[in-house]
Amino acid sequence: MIKPITSEKAVRLLEAENTLLFETERERKKPEIKKEIEEIFKVKVVAVRTFIKGNKKYAYVKLNKKNPAIDVATKLGMI
């Protein structure tokens, strides 16, 4: 399960770098996250970066230029 993050930093990343920020389970690997995002939102993912803070894992998902992250954010109700 992935959960979108809607902080100010997440919105800045969305606009500046075409990147979405999600919270996910610690056990999830980058290829699993990439596949899930591509299937759910029908977009092309360029890169996935992850980091763990406390007991939570966060994933920065950079989308292809042809797939504006703002469109995905709108679908999710983030904006």
PDB file of N, CA and C in Angstrom:
ATOM      1  N   MET A   1       0.838  -1.185   0.000  1.00  0.00           N
ATOM      2  CA  MET A   1       0.000   0.000   0.000  1.00  0.00           C
ATOM      3  C   MET A   1       0.884   1.249   0.000  1.00  0.00           C
ATOM      4  N   ILE A   2       0.517   2.200  -0.808  1.00  0.00           N
ATOM      5  CA  ILE A   2       1.241   3.470  -0.826  1.00  0.00           C
ATOM      6  C   ILE A   2       0.284   4.582  -0.430  1.00  0.00           C
ATOM      7  N   LYS A   3       0.826   5.596   0.219  1.00  0.00           N
ATOM      8  CA  LYS A   3       0.007   6.717   0.664  1.00  0.00           C
ATOM      9  C   LYS A   3       0.703   8.010   0.242  1.00  0.00           C
ATOM     10  N   PRO A   4       0.011   8.869  -0.507  1.00  0.00           N
ATOM     11  CA  PRO A   4       0.655  10.113  -0.945  1.00  0.00           C
ATOM     12  C   PRO A   4       0.889  11.075   0.220  1.00  0.00           C
ATOM     13  N   ILE A   5       1.981  11.798   0.142  1.00  0.00           N
ATOM     14  CA  ILE A   5       2.316  12.815   1.143  1.00  0.00           C
ATOM     15  C   ILE A   5       1.973  14.178   0.535  1.00  0.00           C
ATOM     16  N   THR A   6       1.296  15.018   1.314  1.00  0.00           N
ATOM     17  CA  THR A   6       0.827  16.303   0.773  1.00  0.00           C
ATOM     18  C   THR A   6       1.428  17.501   1.511  1.00  0.00           C
ATOM     19  N   SER A   7       2.660  17.387   1.960  1.00  0.00           N
ATOM     20  CA  SER A   7       3.317  18.492   2.656  1.00  0.00           C
ATOM     21  C   SER A   7       3.737  19.574   1.652  1.00  0.00           C
ATOM     22  N   GLU A   8       4.200  20.704   2.193  1.00  0.00           N
ATOM     23  CA  GLU A   8       4.680  21.787   1.317  1.00  0.00           C
ATOM     24  C   GLU A   8       5.863  21.322   0.480  1.00  0.00           C
ATOM     25  N   LYS A   9       6.754  20.552   1.098  1.00  0.00           N
ATOM     26  CA  LYS A   9       7.920  20.036   0.379  1.00  0.00           C
ATOM     27  C   LYS A   9       7.479  19.137  -0.770  1.00  0.00           C
ATOM     28  N   ALA A  10       6.474  18.299  -0.529  1.00  0.00           N
ATOM     29  CA  ALA A  10       5.969  17.393  -1.563  1.00  0.00           C
ATOM     30  C   ALA A  10       5.403  18.181  -2.740  1.00  0.00           C
ATOM     31  N   VAL A  11       4.707  19.264  -2.464  1.00  0.00           N
ATOM     32  CA  VAL A  11       4.140  20.097  -3.535  1.00  0.00           C
ATOM     33  C   VAL A  11       5.251  20.800  -4.310  1.00  0.00           C
ATOM     34  N   ARG A  12       6.303  21.259  -3.621  1.00  0.00           N
ATOM     35  CA  ARG A  12       7.444  21.878  -4.308  1.00  0.00           C
ATOM     36  C   ARG A  12       8.119  20.880  -5.242  1.00  0.00           C
ATOM     37  N   LEU A  13       8.332  19.652  -4.766  1.00  0.00           N
ATOM     38  CA  LEU A  13       8.931  18.604  -5.598  1.00  0.00           C
ATOM     39  C   LEU A  13       8.067  18.322  -6.816  1.00  0.00           C
ATOM     40  N   LEU A  14       6.784  18.310  -6.594  1.00  0.00           N
ATOM     41  CA  LEU A  14       5.821  18.047  -7.653  1.00  0.00           C
ATOM     42  C   LEU A  14       5.975  19.066  -8.778  1.00  0.00           C
ATOM     43  N   GLU A  15       6.049  20.327  -8.415  1.00  0.00           N
ATOM     44  CA  GLU A  15       6.121  21.395  -9.403  1.00  0.00           C
ATOM     45  C   GLU A  15       7.518  21.527 -10.019  1.00  0.00           C
ATOM     46  N   ALA A  16       8.559  21.429  -9.198  1.00  0.00           N
ATOM     47  CA  ALA A  16       9.917  21.689  -9.671  1.00  0.00           C
ATOM     48  C   ALA A  16      10.561  20.496 -10.362  1.00  0.00           C
ATOM     49  N   GLU A  17      10.333  19.287  -9.845  1.00  0.00           N
ATOM     50  CA  GLU A  17      11.078  18.132 -10.335  1.00  0.00           C
ATOM     51  C   GLU A  17      10.208  17.020 -10.923  1.00  0.00           C
ATOM     52  N   ASN A  18       8.894  17.259 -11.043  1.00  0.00           N
ATOM     53  CA  ASN A  18       7.975  16.244 -11.572  1.00  0.00           C
ATOM     54  C   ASN A  18       8.074  14.952 -10.741  1.00  0.00           C
ATOM     55  N   THR A  19       8.145  15.135  -9.412  1.00  0.00           N
ATOM     56  CA  THR A  19       8.346  14.029  -8.486  1.00  0.00           C
ATOM     57  C   THR A  19       7.222  13.979  -7.461  1.00  0.00           C
ATOM     58  N   LEU A  20       6.717  12.777  -7.219  1.00  0.00           N
ATOM     59  CA  LEU A  20       5.687  12.556  -6.208  1.00  0.00           C
ATOM     60  C   LEU A  20       6.329  11.911  -4.987  1.00  0.00           C
ATOM     61  N   LEU A  21       5.769  12.184  -3.807  1.00  0.00           N
ATOM     62  CA  LEU A  21       6.289  11.625  -2.558  1.00  0.00           C
ATOM     63  C   LEU A  21       5.225  10.737  -1.941  1.00  0.00           C
ATOM     64  N   PHE A  22       5.606   9.497  -1.626  1.00  0.00           N
ATOM     65  CA  PHE A  22       4.684   8.532  -1.032  1.00  0.00           C
ATOM     66  C   PHE A  22       5.286   7.920   0.224  1.00  0.00           C
ATOM     67  N   GLU A  23       4.404   7.539   1.145  1.00  0.00           N
ATOM     68  CA  GLU A  23       4.807   6.729   2.291  1.00  0.00           C
ATOM     69  C   GLU A  23       4.431   5.293   1.956  1.00  0.00           C
ATOM     70  N   THR A  24       5.297   4.346   2.274  1.00  0.00           N
ATOM     71  CA  THR A  24       5.057   2.946   1.936  1.00  0.00           C
ATOM     72  C   THR A  24       5.567   2.038   3.051  1.00  0.00           C
ATOM     73  N   GLU A  25       5.321   0.744   2.923  1.00  0.00           N
ATOM     74  CA  GLU A  25       5.807  -0.206   3.917  1.00  0.00           C
ATOM     75  C   GLU A  25       7.333  -0.326   3.814  1.00  0.00           C
ATOM     76  N   ARG A  26       7.980  -0.590   4.925  1.00  0.00           N
ATOM     77  CA  ARG A  26       9.450  -0.689   4.944  1.00  0.00           C
ATOM     78  C   ARG A  26       9.970  -1.826   4.093  1.00  0.00           C
ATOM     79  N   GLU A  27       9.190  -2.889   3.942  1.00  0.00           N
ATOM     80  CA  GLU A  27       9.649  -4.079   3.225  1.00  0.00           C
ATOM     81  C   GLU A  27       9.638  -3.896   1.706  1.00  0.00           C
ATOM     82  N   ARG A  28       8.923  -2.887   1.212  1.00  0.00           N
ATOM     83  CA  ARG A  28       8.770  -2.701  -0.236  1.00  0.00           C
ATOM     84  C   ARG A  28      10.091  -2.309  -0.877  1.00  0.00           C
ATOM     85  N   LYS A  29      10.380  -2.923  -2.014  1.00  0.00           N
ATOM     86  CA  LYS A  29      11.589  -2.623  -2.778  1.00  0.00           C
ATOM     87  C   LYS A  29      11.257  -1.624  -3.878  1.00  0.00           C
ATOM     88  N   LYS A  30      12.279  -0.938  -4.387  1.00  0.00           N
ATOM     89  CA  LYS A  30      12.085   0.073  -5.430  1.00  0.00           C
ATOM     90  C   LYS A  30      11.351  -0.462  -6.663  1.00  0.00           C
ATOM     91  N   PRO A  31      11.724  -1.642  -7.198  1.00  0.00           N
ATOM     92  CA  PRO A  31      10.996  -2.144  -8.387  1.00  0.00           C
ATOM     93  C   PRO A  31       9.507  -2.391  -8.115  1.00  0.00           C
ATOM     94  N   GLU A  32       9.173  -2.818  -6.901  1.00  0.00           N
ATOM     95  CA  GLU A  32       7.767  -3.036  -6.545  1.00  0.00           C
ATOM     96  C   GLU A  32       7.004  -1.714  -6.522  1.00  0.00           C
ATOM     97  N   ILE A  33       7.631  -0.696  -5.952  1.00  0.00           N
ATOM     98  CA  ILE A  33       7.005   0.624  -5.870  1.00  0.00           C
ATOM     99  C   ILE A  33       6.795   1.181  -7.280  1.00  0.00           C
ATOM    100  N   LYS A  34       7.833   1.070  -8.114  1.00  0.00           N
ATOM    101  CA  LYS A  34       7.757   1.562  -9.495  1.00  0.00           C
ATOM    102  C   LYS A  34       6.615   0.889 -10.247  1.00  0.00           C
ATOM    103  N   LYS A  35       6.538  -0.428 -10.147  1.00  0.00           N
ATOM    104  CA  LYS A  35       5.505  -1.184 -10.861  1.00  0.00           C
ATOM    105  C   LYS A  35       4.110  -0.782 -10.392  1.00  0.00           C
ATOM    106  N   GLU A  36       3.937  -0.632  -9.083  1.00  0.00           N
ATOM    107  CA  GLU A  36       2.621  -0.263  -8.549  1.00  0.00           C
ATOM    108  C   GLU A  36       2.189   1.119  -9.026  1.00  0.00           C
ATOM    109  N   ILE A  37       3.091   2.094  -8.988  1.00  0.00           N
ATOM    110  CA  ILE A  37       2.761   3.452  -9.439  1.00  0.00           C
ATOM    111  C   ILE A  37       2.401   3.438 -10.920  1.00  0.00           C
ATOM    112  N   GLU A  38       3.182   2.731 -11.745  1.00  0.00           N
ATOM    113  CA  GLU A  38       2.922   2.681 -13.184  1.00  0.00           C
ATOM    114  C   GLU A  38       1.572   2.032 -13.474  1.00  0.00           C
ATOM    115  N   GLU A  39       1.225   0.986 -12.735  1.00  0.00           N
ATOM    116  CA  GLU A  39      -0.054   0.305 -12.971  1.00  0.00           C
ATOM    117  C   GLU A  39      -1.239   1.123 -12.500  1.00  0.00           C
ATOM    118  N   ILE A  40      -1.136   1.719 -11.333  1.00  0.00           N
ATOM    119  CA  ILE A  40      -2.262   2.467 -10.772  1.00  0.00           C
ATOM    120  C   ILE A  40      -2.563   3.722 -11.590  1.00  0.00           C
ATOM    121  N   PHE A  41      -1.519   4.497 -11.915  1.00  0.00           N
ATOM    122  CA  PHE A  41      -1.728   5.805 -12.526  1.00  0.00           C
ATOM    123  C   PHE A  41      -1.479   5.842 -14.031  1.00  0.00           C
ATOM    124  N   LYS A  42      -1.071   4.717 -14.616  1.00  0.00           N
ATOM    125  CA  LYS A  42      -0.818   4.640 -16.067  1.00  0.00           C
ATOM    126  C   LYS A  42       0.184   5.706 -16.508  1.00  0.00           C
ATOM    127  N   VAL A  43       1.312   5.772 -15.789  1.00  0.00           N
ATOM    128  CA  VAL A  43       2.381   6.716 -16.100  1.00  0.00           C
ATOM    129  C   VAL A  43       3.690   5.952 -16.220  1.00  0.00           C
ATOM    130  N   LYS A  44       4.733   6.632 -16.723  1.00  0.00           N
ATOM    131  CA  LYS A  44       6.067   6.043 -16.835  1.00  0.00           C
ATOM    132  C   LYS A  44       6.945   6.636 -15.739  1.00  0.00           C
ATOM    133  N   VAL A  45       7.485   5.763 -14.895  1.00  0.00           N
ATOM    134  CA  VAL A  45       8.356   6.195 -13.808  1.00  0.00           C
ATOM    135  C   VAL A  45       9.807   6.150 -14.277  1.00  0.00           C
ATOM    136  N   VAL A  46      10.530   7.253 -14.083  1.00  0.00           N
ATOM    137  CA  VAL A  46      11.931   7.344 -14.484  1.00  0.00           C
ATOM    138  C   VAL A  46      12.833   6.806 -13.375  1.00  0.00           C
ATOM    139  N   ALA A  47      12.552   7.178 -12.126  1.00  0.00           N
ATOM    140  CA  ALA A  47      13.410   6.764 -11.015  1.00  0.00           C
ATOM    141  C   ALA A  47      12.624   6.715  -9.714  1.00  0.00           C
ATOM    142  N   VAL A  48      13.077   5.866  -8.804  1.00  0.00           N
ATOM    143  CA  VAL A  48      12.512   5.792  -7.459  1.00  0.00           C
ATOM    144  C   VAL A  48      13.663   5.887  -6.470  1.00  0.00           C
ATOM    145  N   ARG A  49      13.565   6.844  -5.562  1.00  0.00           N
ATOM    146  CA  ARG A  49      14.538   6.969  -4.473  1.00  0.00           C
ATOM    147  C   ARG A  49      13.776   6.743  -3.172  1.00  0.00           C
ATOM    148  N   THR A  50      14.379   6.050  -2.237  1.00  0.00           N
ATOM    149  CA  THR A  50      13.694   5.797  -0.974  1.00  0.00           C
ATOM    150  C   THR A  50      14.570   6.212   0.194  1.00  0.00           C
ATOM    151  N   PHE A  51      13.905   6.503   1.319  1.00  0.00           N
ATOM    152  CA  PHE A  51      14.646   6.710   2.561  1.00  0.00           C
ATOM    153  C   PHE A  51      13.740   6.300   3.715  1.00  0.00           C
ATOM    154  N   ILE A  52      14.395   5.922   4.798  1.00  0.00           N
ATOM    155  CA  ILE A  52      13.671   5.475   5.985  1.00  0.00           C
ATOM    156  C   ILE A  52      13.907   6.488   7.090  1.00  0.00           C
ATOM    157  N   LYS A  53      12.811   6.917   7.698  1.00  0.00           N
ATOM    158  CA  LYS A  53      12.892   7.864   8.812  1.00  0.00           C
ATOM    159  C   LYS A  53      12.020   7.313   9.924  1.00  0.00           C
ATOM    160  N   GLY A  54      12.626   7.065  11.045  1.00  0.00           N
ATOM    161  CA  GLY A  54      11.880   6.443  12.137  1.00  0.00           C
ATOM    162  C   GLY A  54      11.482   5.038  11.708  1.00  0.00           C
ATOM    163  N   ASN A  55      10.208   4.740  11.775  1.00  0.00           N
ATOM    164  CA  ASN A  55       9.727   3.417  11.388  1.00  0.00           C
ATOM    165  C   ASN A  55       8.976   3.474  10.060  1.00  0.00           C
ATOM    166  N   LYS A  56       9.135   4.568   9.328  1.00  0.00           N
ATOM    167  CA  LYS A  56       8.410   4.745   8.064  1.00  0.00           C
ATOM    168  C   LYS A  56       9.377   4.812   6.895  1.00  0.00           C
ATOM    169  N   LYS A  57       8.913   4.346   5.740  1.00  0.00           N
ATOM    170  CA  LYS A  57       9.714   4.406   4.521  1.00  0.00           C
ATOM    171  C   LYS A  57       9.013   5.344   3.550  1.00  0.00           C
ATOM    172  N   TYR A  58       9.782   6.235   2.947  1.00  0.00           N
ATOM    173  CA  TYR A  58       9.247   7.192   1.991  1.00  0.00           C
ATOM    174  C   TYR A  58       9.868   6.943   0.620  1.00  0.00           C
ATOM    175  N   ALA A  59       9.094   7.169  -0.421  1.00  0.00           N
ATOM    176  CA  ALA A  59       9.574   6.954  -1.785  1.00  0.00           C
ATOM    177  C   ALA A  59       9.360   8.222  -2.603  1.00  0.00           C
ATOM    178  N   TYR A  60      10.448   8.710  -3.195  1.00  0.00           N
ATOM    179  CA  TYR A  60      10.374   9.810  -4.155  1.00  0.00           C
ATOM    180  C   TYR A  60      10.255   9.159  -5.529  1.00  0.00           C
ATOM    181  N   VAL A  61       9.162   9.428  -6.230  1.00  0.00           N
ATOM    182  CA  VAL A  61       8.905   8.798  -7.517  1.00  0.00           C
ATOM    183  C   VAL A  61       8.944   9.872  -8.607  1.00  0.00           C
ATOM    184  N   LYS A  62      10.004   9.839  -9.430  1.00  0.00           N
ATOM    185  CA  LYS A  62      10.170  10.811 -10.514  1.00  0.00           C
ATOM    186  C   LYS A  62       9.512  10.260 -11.772  1.00  0.00           C
ATOM    187  N   LEU A  63       8.630  11.071 -12.363  1.00  0.00           N
ATOM    188  CA  LEU A  63       7.891  10.650 -13.546  1.00  0.00           C
ATOM    189  C   LEU A  63       8.536  11.156 -14.822  1.00  0.00           C
ATOM    190  N   ASN A  64       8.239  10.489 -15.920  1.00  0.00           N
ATOM    191  CA  ASN A  64       8.675  10.867 -17.251  1.00  0.00           C
ATOM    192  C   ASN A  64       8.110  12.251 -17.570  1.00  0.00           C
ATOM    193  N   LYS A  65       8.831  13.027 -18.371  1.00  0.00           N
ATOM    194  CA  LYS A  65       8.372  14.378 -18.736  1.00  0.00           C
ATOM    195  C   LYS A  65       7.009  14.369 -19.433  1.00  0.00           C
ATOM    196  N   LYS A  66       6.685  13.264 -20.118  1.00  0.00           N
ATOM    197  CA  LYS A  66       5.399  13.170 -20.823  1.00  0.00           C
ATOM    198  C   LYS A  66       4.231  12.961 -19.869  1.00  0.00           C
ATOM    199  N   ASN A  67       4.527  12.626 -18.614  1.00  0.00           N
ATOM    200  CA  ASN A  67       3.508  12.387 -17.604  1.00  0.00           C
ATOM    201  C   ASN A  67       3.656  13.405 -16.479  1.00  0.00           C
ATOM    202  N   PRO A  68       2.969  14.541 -16.581  1.00  0.00           N
ATOM    203  CA  PRO A  68       3.101  15.555 -15.525  1.00  0.00           C
ATOM    204  C   PRO A  68       2.618  15.030 -14.174  1.00  0.00           C
ATOM    205  N   ALA A  69       3.445  15.191 -13.163  1.00  0.00           N
ATOM    206  CA  ALA A  69       3.087  14.747 -11.814  1.00  0.00           C
ATOM    207  C   ALA A  69       1.874  15.499 -11.303  1.00  0.00           C
ATOM    208  N   ILE A  70       1.676  16.710 -11.779  1.00  0.00           N
ATOM    209  CA  ILE A  70       0.532  17.507 -11.335  1.00  0.00           C
ATOM    210  C   ILE A  70      -0.787  16.820 -11.704  1.00  0.00           C
ATOM    211  N   ASP A  71      -0.820  16.099 -12.833  1.00  0.00           N
ATOM    212  CA  ASP A  71      -2.027  15.373 -13.239  1.00  0.00           C
ATOM    213  C   ASP A  71      -2.332  14.249 -12.248  1.00  0.00           C
ATOM    214  N   VAL A  72      -1.310  13.524 -11.831  1.00  0.00           N
ATOM    215  CA  VAL A  72      -1.482  12.440 -10.856  1.00  0.00           C
ATOM    216  C   VAL A  72      -1.925  13.028  -9.520  1.00  0.00           C
ATOM    217  N   ALA A  73      -1.308  14.128  -9.113  1.00  0.00           N
ATOM    218  CA  ALA A  73      -1.666  14.779  -7.859  1.00  0.00           C
ATOM    219  C   ALA A  73      -3.122  15.233  -7.876  1.00  0.00           C
ATOM    220  N   THR A  74      -3.584  15.714  -9.002  1.00  0.00           N
ATOM    221  CA  THR A  74      -4.976  16.145  -9.134  1.00  0.00           C
ATOM    222  C   THR A  74      -5.904  14.953  -8.969  1.00  0.00           C
ATOM    223  N   LYS A  75      -5.560  13.817  -9.589  1.00  0.00           N
ATOM    224  CA  LYS A  75      -6.364  12.596  -9.452  1.00  0.00           C
ATOM    225  C   LYS A  75      -6.440  12.147  -7.999  1.00  0.00           C
ATOM    226  N   LEU A  76      -5.330  12.318  -7.277  1.00  0.00           N
ATOM    227  CA  LEU A  76      -5.272  11.898  -5.877  1.00  0.00           C
ATOM    228  C   LEU A  76      -5.950  12.908  -4.946  1.00  0.00           C
ATOM    229  N   GLY A  77      -6.276  14.092  -5.462  1.00  0.00           N
ATOM    230  CA  GLY A  77      -6.885  15.117  -4.630  1.00  0.00           C
ATOM    231  C   GLY A  77      -5.875  15.875  -3.795  1.00  0.00           C
ATOM    232  N   MET A  78      -4.598  15.796  -4.163  1.00  0.00           N
ATOM    233  CA  MET A  78      -3.548  16.505  -3.427  1.00  0.00           C
ATOM    234  C   MET A  78      -3.598  18.005  -3.689  1.00  0.00           C
ATOM    235  N   ILE A  79      -4.070  18.372  -4.873  1.00  0.00           N
ATOM    236  CA  ILE A  79      -4.101  19.786  -5.252  1.00  0.00           C
ATOM    237  C   ILE A  79      -5.521  20.164  -5.607  1.00  0.00           C
TER     238      ILE A  79
END
